């Protein structure tokens, strides 16, 4: 028997990505920050990409994005880039 799994809609995916965009910009324009937030949010759903995220975890994903804090290694990279750019 084939089971149909629930996945978040394209609209929900766009809202997650926009939320990630807003949160990442609050820390800086760095690709690693976007990636870190994205992967953290997807982990909240137990999936490996937004395409397979279950809608019942949508709220948890948004909550994770809201509570995201910059890890030390990324914070140090940001400081180092700022000092090197002078």
Protein backbone atom coordinates (compact mmCIF):
# COMPACT_ATOMS: atom_id res chain seq x y z
CA UNK A 1 0.00 0.00 0.00
CA UNK A 2 1.26 3.47 -0.86
CA UNK A 3 1.12 6.01 1.92
CA UNK A 4 0.85 9.70 1.21
CA UNK A 5 2.90 11.82 3.55
CA UNK A 6 2.03 15.41 4.33
CA UNK A 7 4.45 18.06 3.17
CA UNK A 8 4.36 21.78 3.74
CA UNK A 9 2.98 23.81 0.88
CA UNK A 10 4.99 26.01 -1.45
CA UNK A 11 3.46 29.01 0.32
CA UNK A 12 4.67 27.68 3.68
CA UNK A 13 8.12 27.07 2.21
CA UNK A 14 8.24 30.66 0.98
CA UNK A 15 7.21 31.93 4.41
CA UNK A 16 9.94 29.85 6.07
CA UNK A 17 12.55 31.15 3.62
CA UNK A 18 11.40 34.76 4.12
CA UNK A 19 11.61 34.25 7.88
CA UNK A 20 15.13 32.86 7.49
CA UNK A 21 16.02 35.88 5.33
CA UNK A 22 14.84 38.34 7.99
CA UNK A 23 16.63 36.51 10.81
CA UNK A 24 19.88 36.07 8.87
CA UNK A 25 19.98 39.76 7.93
CA UNK A 26 19.80 40.68 11.60
CA UNK A 27 23.27 39.08 11.94
CA UNK A 28 24.82 40.02 8.60
CA UNK A 29 24.93 39.13 4.94
CA UNK A 30 26.84 35.87 5.18
CA UNK A 31 25.96 32.69 3.28
CA UNK A 32 27.00 30.52 6.24
CA UNK A 33 24.46 32.22 8.48
CA UNK A 34 21.65 31.55 6.01
CA UNK A 35 22.78 27.94 5.73
CA UNK A 36 23.00 27.47 9.49
CA UNK A 37 19.52 28.85 10.11
CA UNK A 38 18.04 26.83 7.24
CA UNK A 39 19.54 23.55 8.44
CA UNK A 40 18.50 24.23 12.03
CA UNK A 41 14.90 24.92 10.94
CA UNK A 42 14.76 21.81 8.77
CA UNK A 43 16.12 19.70 11.65
CA UNK A 44 13.13 20.80 13.72
CA UNK A 45 10.91 18.97 11.24
CA UNK A 46 13.02 15.82 11.16
CA UNK A 47 13.42 16.19 7.41
CA UNK A 48 16.48 16.81 5.27
CA UNK A 49 14.92 19.59 3.19
CA UNK A 50 11.88 21.84 3.22
CA UNK A 51 10.36 19.74 0.44
CA UNK A 52 9.85 16.91 2.91
CA UNK A 53 8.97 18.83 6.07
CA UNK A 54 5.76 17.78 7.75
CA UNK A 55 3.25 20.60 8.28
CA UNK A 56 2.73 19.62 11.92
CA UNK A 57 6.24 20.96 12.60
CA UNK A 58 5.73 24.29 10.85
CA UNK A 59 5.22 26.21 14.09
CA UNK A 60 8.31 24.59 15.64
CA UNK A 61 10.36 25.60 12.61
CA UNK A 62 9.26 29.24 12.92
CA UNK A 63 9.95 29.16 16.67
CA UNK A 64 13.45 27.78 16.04
CA UNK A 65 14.16 30.57 13.57
CA UNK A 66 12.94 33.18 16.06
CA UNK A 67 15.15 31.80 18.82
CA UNK A 68 18.25 31.32 16.63
CA UNK A 69 21.44 32.63 18.15
CA UNK A 70 24.65 33.01 16.19
CA UNK A 71 27.08 30.19 17.09
CA UNK A 72 30.47 31.29 18.41
CA UNK A 73 32.38 30.09 15.37
CA UNK A 74 30.21 32.22 13.05
CA UNK A 75 30.33 35.20 15.41
CA UNK A 76 34.12 35.01 15.42
CA UNK A 77 34.19 34.81 11.62
CA UNK A 78 32.01 37.91 11.38
CA UNK A 79 34.29 39.83 13.76
CA UNK A 80 37.38 38.64 11.91
CA UNK A 81 35.97 39.74 8.54
CA UNK A 82 35.08 43.16 9.92
CA UNK A 83 38.57 43.68 11.33
CA UNK A 84 40.22 42.46 8.13
CA UNK A 85 38.04 44.70 5.96
CA UNK A 86 39.20 47.54 8.14
